[in-house]
């Protein structure tokens, strides 16, 4: 079996959350087909985008081509499609590709992967004042619909996303395959010791509207009521600090090349996310590093956590304050074995690879 893996972009720097998930998925899928897989990138960040590129993107948006995809690129993919038994379209925003492949009489299997329910994701992501917002949302909606109509198999991260897609487009996912990560934290000896009585609470989040709203919500509603050390880490978060004077005295580490020291230093990972779709990458990473996690329902969506062991669920300021105070008054191991085991059993490559084999069989 030979697979063509269509992915959003070739990154030149730090992988964002969704692209981290794509990279790990690609590794597991490669293993499932004995590395008999090729990649086609819609974007290459190593190549500078010009004004012409943006103009072309705007020209094709009304026709259903999400930015970066053009008829020329679609025709390139169609021209090589006969070489492959499976074409994996890694984002449903490229559903037009499934449509065009079917119209070209492609005989193989087309798999469409929903990172999120993109219509919901982009509605939350795009500012209400953004030019062309309605145009972009219409394009996204078309492509989600075409993914459901023309793909032989569709895959979501969670049962919730499958149910939402069924409500919107009358098709359930053929398989739910959760987010996965190659285990990057294999050690002979894991950290010892207890959380500090003035715990270091860390938020890892890239600059993105739902993340920004969660960070600011926590800073305004929870942080003044607890005696903790606090740190914000994530791609582009220096920009958030510049935009909001209330973050002036808060430690913000933006665009760091290595997250491991920040995970290891944290007593508690705080994930105050209230909007979105799919599964949150930072939750999976926090489990992998064996961290104590305090998170909202949205941040824990799709995860098989043990309440009060591998994670603590909080949705109101009072719940966050109460849980953090409990950590202050009752220190516990800084390395959370239950969180680490949750990752190994459910979200490591070994745990998920067999699901890809089942899907492609």
Protein backbone atom coordinates (compact mmCIF):
# COMPACT_ATOMS: atom_id res chain seq x y z
CA UNK A 1 0.00 0.00 0.00
CA UNK A 2 1.35 3.41 -0.98
CA UNK A 3 0.09 6.65 0.59
CA UNK A 4 0.24 10.29 -0.49
CA UNK A 5 0.02 12.51 2.59
CA UNK A 6 -1.32 16.01 1.85
CA UNK A 7 -0.35 18.39 4.64
CA UNK A 8 -0.78 22.09 5.28
CA UNK A 9 2.78 23.36 5.46
CA UNK A 10 6.45 22.67 5.74
CA UNK A 11 7.50 24.61 8.81
CA UNK A 12 10.73 26.57 8.98
CA UNK A 13 10.71 26.94 12.74
CA UNK A 14 8.73 25.98 15.83
CA UNK A 15 5.78 23.71 15.10
CA UNK A 16 2.44 25.16 16.15
CA UNK A 17 0.00 22.91 18.00
CA UNK A 18 -1.83 21.57 14.95
CA UNK A 19 1.36 21.01 13.01
CA UNK A 20 2.88 19.14 15.96
CA UNK A 21 -0.10 16.82 15.80
CA UNK A 22 0.32 16.43 12.03
CA UNK A 23 4.01 15.59 12.39
CA UNK A 24 3.36 12.89 14.95
CA UNK A 25 0.43 11.52 12.95
CA UNK A 26 2.65 11.35 9.87
CA UNK A 27 5.24 9.33 11.82
CA UNK A 28 2.66 6.84 13.07
CA UNK A 29 1.02 6.54 9.66
CA UNK A 30 4.43 5.99 8.07
CA UNK A 31 5.10 3.15 10.47
CA UNK A 32 1.68 1.65 9.73
CA UNK A 33 2.49 1.43 5.98
CA UNK A 34 6.18 0.51 6.39
CA UNK A 35 7.32 4.02 5.31
CA UNK A 36 5.67 3.62 1.90
CA UNK A 37 4.47 7.22 1.99
CA UNK A 38 5.15 10.49 0.18
CA UNK A 39 4.32 14.06 1.25
CA UNK A 40 2.81 16.97 -0.64
CA UNK A 41 2.98 20.36 1.10
CA UNK A 42 0.40 23.05 0.32
CA UNK A 43 2.64 25.71 1.92
CA UNK A 44 6.41 25.91 2.32
CA UNK A 45 7.37 28.46 4.97
CA UNK A 46 10.95 28.40 3.70
CA UNK A 47 9.67 30.26 0.63
CA UNK A 48 8.71 33.88 1.20
CA UNK A 49 5.09 34.70 0.40
CA UNK A 50 4.63 37.64 -1.94
CA UNK A 51 1.76 40.07 -2.41
CA UNK A 52 0.94 38.11 -5.55
CA UNK A 53 0.52 34.94 -3.46
CA UNK A 54 -1.98 36.70 -1.19
CA UNK A 55 -3.82 38.19 -4.18
CA UNK A 56 -4.08 34.75 -5.81
CA UNK A 57 -5.35 33.32 -2.53
CA UNK A 58 -8.10 35.95 -2.31
CA UNK A 59 -9.03 35.35 -5.94
CA UNK A 60 -9.60 31.62 -5.38
CA UNK A 61 -11.31 31.80 -1.95
CA UNK A 62 -14.83 32.35 -3.41
CA UNK A 63 -14.30 29.25 -5.58
CA UNK A 64 -13.63 27.06 -2.54
CA UNK A 65 -9.83 26.94 -2.63
CA UNK A 66 -8.53 27.56 0.87
CA UNK A 67 -5.46 29.83 0.96
CA UNK A 68 -2.46 28.13 -0.65
CA UNK A 69 -4.45 25.64 -2.66
CA UNK A 70 -4.99 26.56 -6.31
CA UNK A 71 -6.27 24.75 -9.43
CA UNK A 72 -2.65 24.30 -10.51
CA UNK A 73 -1.77 22.51 -7.26
CA UNK A 74 -4.92 20.39 -7.44
CA UNK A 75 -4.01 19.35 -10.99
CA UNK A 76 -0.47 18.47 -9.85
CA UNK A 77 -1.92 16.15 -7.22
CA UNK A 78 -4.40 14.63 -9.67
CA UNK A 79 -1.58 14.00 -12.18
CA UNK A 80 0.32 11.81 -9.68
CA UNK A 81 -2.69 10.33 -7.86
CA UNK A 82 -2.70 7.07 -9.82
CA UNK A 83 0.63 6.17 -8.21
CA UNK A 84 -1.05 5.90 -4.80
CA UNK A 85 -3.52 3.51 -3.19
CA UNK A 86 -4.51 6.06 -0.53
CA UNK A 87 -4.55 9.85 -0.53
CA UNK A 88 -4.63 11.23 2.99
CA UNK A 89 -5.90 14.84 3.13
CA UNK A 90 -4.76 15.99 6.53
CA UNK A 91 -7.07 18.99 6.87
CA UNK A 92 -10.73 19.20 5.97
CA UNK A 93 -10.18 22.78 4.70
CA UNK A 94 -8.86 21.05 1.57
CA UNK A 95 -12.07 19.13 0.92
CA UNK A 96 -12.19 20.53 -2.62
CA UNK A 97 -9.25 18.25 -3.36
CA UNK A 98 -11.37 15.19 -2.51
CA UNK A 99 -14.10 16.55 -4.79
CA UNK A 100 -11.72 17.07 -7.71
CA UNK A 101 -10.08 13.67 -7.22
CA UNK A 102 -13.45 11.93 -7.38
CA UNK A 103 -14.37 13.93 -10.48
CA UNK A 104 -11.08 12.82 -12.08
CA UNK A 105 -12.12 9.17 -11.53
CA UNK A 106 -9.37 8.48 -8.99
CA UNK A 107 -9.76 4.80 -8.04
CA UNK A 108 -7.95 4.68 -4.73
CA UNK A 109 -9.15 5.48 -1.21
CA UNK A 110 -9.42 9.10 -0.03
CA UNK A 111 -9.15 9.77 3.71
CA UNK A 112 -10.08 13.16 5.15
CA UNK A 113 -8.83 14.13 8.60
CA UNK A 114 -10.63 16.74 10.72
CA UNK A 115 -8.18 18.46 13.08
CA UNK A 116 -11.23 20.35 14.32
CA UNK A 117 -14.70 21.04 13.10
CA UNK A 118 -13.13 23.84 11.07
CA UNK A 119 -16.29 25.92 10.71
CA UNK A 120 -16.38 26.20 14.51
CA UNK A 121 -12.62 26.63 14.85
CA UNK A 122 -12.38 29.49 12.35
CA UNK A 123 -15.49 31.19 13.71
CA UNK A 124 -13.68 31.38 17.07
CA UNK A 125 -10.30 32.22 15.54
CA UNK A 126 -11.24 35.10 13.22
CA UNK A 127 -11.95 38.54 14.63
CA UNK A 128 -15.46 39.83 14.02
CA UNK A 129 -13.84 42.92 12.50
CA UNK A 130 -11.56 41.00 10.15
CA UNK A 131 -11.92 41.86 6.45
CA UNK A 132 -13.15 38.94 4.33
CA UNK A 133 -14.28 37.05 7.46
CA UNK A 134 -17.54 35.88 5.87
CA UNK A 135 -15.71 34.88 2.70
CA UNK A 136 -13.25 32.73 4.66
CA UNK A 137 -15.99 31.08 6.73
CA UNK A 138 -17.98 30.23 3.59
CA UNK A 139 -14.88 28.65 2.07
CA UNK A 140 -14.22 26.63 5.23
CA UNK A 141 -17.83 25.46 5.39
CA UNK A 142 -17.75 24.33 1.74
CA UNK A 143 -14.59 22.32 2.32
CA UNK A 144 -15.82 20.64 5.49
CA UNK A 145 -18.95 19.67 3.54
CA UNK A 146 -16.95 18.37 0.54
CA UNK A 147 -14.72 16.34 2.87
CA UNK A 148 -17.83 14.59 4.16
CA UNK A 149 -19.32 14.13 0.69
CA UNK A 150 -16.31 12.90 -1.27
CA UNK A 151 -13.89 11.16 1.11
CA UNK A 152 -14.17 7.39 1.41
CA UNK A 153 -13.22 7.59 5.08
CA UNK A 154 -13.29 10.54 7.46
CA UNK A 155 -11.48 10.70 10.78
CA UNK A 156 -11.97 12.99 13.77
CA UNK A 157 -10.05 13.38 17.00
CA UNK A 158 -13.07 13.08 19.27
CA UNK A 159 -16.59 11.68 19.45
CA UNK A 160 -17.84 15.24 20.05
CA UNK A 161 -16.41 16.36 16.70
CA UNK A 162 -17.95 13.36 14.97
CA UNK A 163 -21.37 14.22 16.41
CA UNK A 164 -21.01 17.88 15.44
CA UNK A 165 -20.04 16.97 11.87
CA UNK A 166 -23.00 14.63 11.68
CA UNK A 167 -25.29 17.45 12.83
CA UNK A 168 -23.85 19.89 10.27
CA UNK A 169 -23.21 17.60 7.29
CA UNK A 170 -25.09 14.35 8.03
CA UNK A 171 -22.04 12.10 8.21
CA UNK A 172 -20.33 10.57 11.22
CA UNK A 173 -16.62 9.83 11.40
CA UNK A 174 -15.57 6.37 10.28
CA UNK A 175 -13.03 6.38 13.08
CA UNK A 176 -12.03 8.61 15.99
CA UNK A 177 -8.26 8.62 16.38
CA UNK A 178 -7.10 10.82 19.28
CA UNK A 179 -4.15 13.14 19.21
CA UNK A 180 -0.84 11.34 19.56
CA UNK A 181 2.77 12.10 20.36
CA UNK A 182 6.03 10.29 19.94
CA UNK A 183 7.24 9.77 23.49
CA UNK A 184 9.99 12.34 23.98
CA UNK A 185 10.31 11.91 27.73
CA UNK A 186 11.81 8.49 28.27
CA UNK A 187 14.14 8.61 31.29
CA UNK A 188 15.61 6.13 33.73
CA UNK A 189 14.87 8.45 36.64
CA UNK A 190 11.99 10.89 36.61
CA UNK A 191 11.94 14.03 38.78
CA UNK A 192 11.55 13.54 42.50
CA UNK A 193 10.23 15.85 45.17
CA UNK A 194 6.99 17.63 45.98
CA UNK A 195 5.34 20.70 44.55
CA UNK A 196 6.41 23.97 46.18
CA UNK A 197 4.25 25.66 48.79
CA UNK A 198 4.39 28.63 46.41
CA UNK A 199 3.89 26.55 43.27
CA UNK A 200 5.06 27.58 39.82
CA UNK A 201 1.92 27.61 37.66
CA UNK A 202 2.67 27.61 33.94
CA UNK A 203 0.45 28.25 30.94
CA UNK A 204 1.73 26.99 27.58
CA UNK A 205 -0.17 28.56 24.72
CA UNK A 206 0.58 30.08 21.33
CA UNK A 207 -0.80 33.51 20.43
CA UNK A 208 -4.30 32.64 19.23
CA UNK A 209 -7.66 34.19 20.15
CA UNK A 210 -9.11 31.39 22.38
CA UNK A 211 -5.70 30.91 24.08
CA UNK A 212 -5.31 34.66 24.63
CA UNK A 213 -8.79 34.94 26.10
CA UNK A 214 -8.07 32.07 28.49
CA UNK A 215 -4.75 33.55 29.63
CA UNK A 216 -6.29 36.97 30.28
CA UNK A 217 -9.28 35.38 32.04
CA UNK A 218 -6.91 33.54 34.39
CA UNK A 219 -4.77 36.62 35.05
CA UNK A 220 -7.81 38.76 35.84
CA UNK A 221 -9.98 36.28 37.75
CA UNK A 222 -7.70 33.74 39.43
CA UNK A 223 -4.13 34.98 39.76
CA UNK A 224 -4.91 37.87 42.20
CA UNK A 225 -6.50 35.38 44.61
CA UNK A 226 -3.65 32.85 44.92
CA UNK A 227 -0.06 33.13 46.12
CA UNK A 228 1.83 31.43 43.30
CA UNK A 229 4.66 32.00 40.87
CA UNK A 230 3.28 32.37 37.37
CA UNK A 231 4.76 31.95 33.89
CA UNK A 232 3.35 32.17 30.35
CA UNK A 233 5.21 30.27 27.63
CA UNK A 234 4.35 30.07 23.95
CA UNK A 235 4.87 31.11 20.38
CA UNK A 236 4.10 34.80 19.83
CA UNK A 237 3.04 35.45 23.43
CA UNK A 238 5.40 38.41 23.72
CA UNK A 239 2.89 40.15 21.48
CA UNK A 240 0.10 39.50 24.01
CA UNK A 241 2.25 41.06 26.74
CA UNK A 242 2.82 44.15 24.58
CA UNK A 243 -0.92 44.50 23.97
CA UNK A 244 -2.05 44.20 27.61
CA UNK A 245 -0.47 46.36 30.35
CA UNK A 246 -1.79 44.00 33.04
CA UNK A 247 0.84 41.46 31.89
CA UNK A 248 3.71 43.91 32.40
CA UNK A 249 4.96 42.27 35.61
CA UNK A 250 4.29 38.69 34.52
CA UNK A 251 7.04 36.44 33.18
CA UNK A 252 6.37 35.72 29.51
CA UNK A 253 8.70 33.43 27.54
CA UNK A 254 7.96 33.81 23.85
CA UNK A 255 9.18 31.60 20.97
CA UNK A 256 11.45 29.42 23.12
CA UNK A 257 13.37 26.76 21.14
CA UNK A 258 12.97 24.01 23.76
CA UNK A 259 9.93 23.54 25.98
CA UNK A 260 11.35 20.71 28.11
CA UNK A 261 12.91 22.95 30.81
CA UNK A 262 9.63 24.81 31.20
CA UNK A 263 7.64 21.62 31.59
CA UNK A 264 10.12 20.21 34.11
CA UNK A 265 10.22 23.42 36.15
CA UNK A 266 6.44 23.70 36.46
CA UNK A 267 4.66 22.44 39.55
CA UNK A 268 1.29 22.77 37.83
CA UNK A 269 0.25 23.21 34.20
CA UNK A 270 -2.77 25.51 33.93
CA UNK A 271 -4.99 25.20 30.85
CA UNK A 272 -7.85 27.74 30.99
CA UNK A 273 -9.33 27.22 27.51
CA UNK A 274 -13.03 27.81 26.96
CA UNK A 275 -13.57 27.67 23.19
CA UNK A 276 -12.46 25.54 20.27
CA UNK A 277 -12.78 22.15 18.69
CA UNK A 278 -10.72 18.98 18.41
CA UNK A 279 -8.21 18.16 21.16
CA UNK A 280 -5.68 20.48 22.75
CA UNK A 281 -2.04 19.62 22.02
CA UNK A 282 -0.68 21.15 25.24
CA UNK A 283 -2.86 18.81 27.28
CA UNK A 284 -1.25 15.81 25.59
CA UNK A 285 2.25 17.22 26.09
CA UNK A 286 1.53 17.92 29.76
CA UNK A 287 0.44 14.31 30.22
CA UNK A 288 3.57 13.08 28.43
CA UNK A 289 5.82 15.02 30.81
CA UNK A 290 3.92 13.73 33.83
CA UNK A 291 2.63 17.08 35.01
CA UNK A 292 -0.08 18.03 37.43
CA UNK A 293 -2.78 19.57 35.22
CA UNK A 294 -5.54 21.99 36.16
CA UNK A 295 -7.76 22.49 33.14
CA UNK A 296 -11.19 23.36 31.82
CA UNK A 297 -13.63 20.99 30.17
CA UNK A 298 -12.54 22.28 26.76
CA UNK A 299 -8.86 21.64 27.45
CA UNK A 300 -9.68 18.09 28.58
CA UNK A 301 -12.11 17.29 25.74
CA UNK A 302 -11.36 13.86 24.28
CA UNK A 303 -8.91 12.85 27.02
CA UNK A 304 -9.40 9.79 29.21
CA UNK A 305 -8.16 11.40 32.40
CA UNK A 306 -8.74 10.27 35.99
CA UNK A 307 -10.36 13.12 37.88
CA UNK A 308 -8.16 14.27 40.75
CA UNK A 309 -5.30 11.97 39.72
CA UNK A 310 -4.04 12.67 36.22
CA UNK A 311 -5.85 16.04 36.01
CA UNK A 312 -8.10 18.39 37.96
CA UNK A 313 -11.13 19.81 36.15
CA UNK A 314 -12.01 23.47 36.82
CA UNK A 315 -14.28 25.86 34.92
CA UNK A 316 -14.94 28.80 37.26
CA UNK A 317 -12.60 31.19 39.08
CA UNK A 318 -13.71 29.67 42.38
CA UNK A 319 -12.85 26.14 41.23
CA UNK A 320 -9.41 27.19 39.99
CA UNK A 321 -8.68 29.08 43.21
CA UNK A 322 -9.85 26.19 45.40
CA UNK A 323 -7.77 23.61 43.50
CA UNK A 324 -4.63 25.76 43.48
CA UNK A 325 -5.06 26.45 47.21
CA UNK A 326 -5.24 22.71 47.78
CA UNK A 327 -1.89 22.32 46.02
CA UNK A 328 -0.45 25.09 48.22
CA UNK A 329 -1.71 23.52 51.45
CA UNK A 330 -1.07 19.89 50.48
CA UNK A 331 2.05 19.53 48.31
CA UNK A 332 2.11 16.40 46.16
CA UNK A 333 4.64 14.77 43.83
CA UNK A 334 5.85 17.19 41.16
CA UNK A 335 6.04 14.27 38.73
CA UNK A 336 2.54 12.87 38.25
CA UNK A 337 2.79 9.15 37.50
CA UNK A 338 -0.93 8.86 36.72
CA UNK A 339 -0.67 11.58 34.05
CA UNK A 340 2.34 9.90 32.48
CA UNK A 341 0.57 6.51 32.39
CA UNK A 342 -2.51 8.11 30.85
CA UNK A 343 -0.31 9.35 28.00
CA UNK A 344 1.48 6.04 27.47
CA UNK A 345 -1.71 3.98 27.40
CA UNK A 346 -3.74 6.29 25.16
CA UNK A 347 -1.76 8.91 23.23
CA UNK A 348 1.71 7.59 22.44
CA UNK A 349 2.53 6.42 18.93
CA UNK A 350 2.51 2.79 20.02
CA UNK A 351 -1.02 3.14 21.37
CA UNK A 352 -2.43 4.76 18.21
CA UNK A 353 -0.50 3.13 15.33
CA UNK A 354 -2.77 0.07 15.24
CA UNK A 355 -5.80 2.34 14.68
CA UNK A 356 -4.24 3.60 11.46
CA UNK A 357 -3.73 0.04 10.27
CA UNK A 358 -7.39 -0.75 11.01
CA UNK A 359 -8.53 2.38 9.15
CA UNK A 360 -6.53 1.63 6.00
CA UNK A 361 -7.29 -2.08 5.87
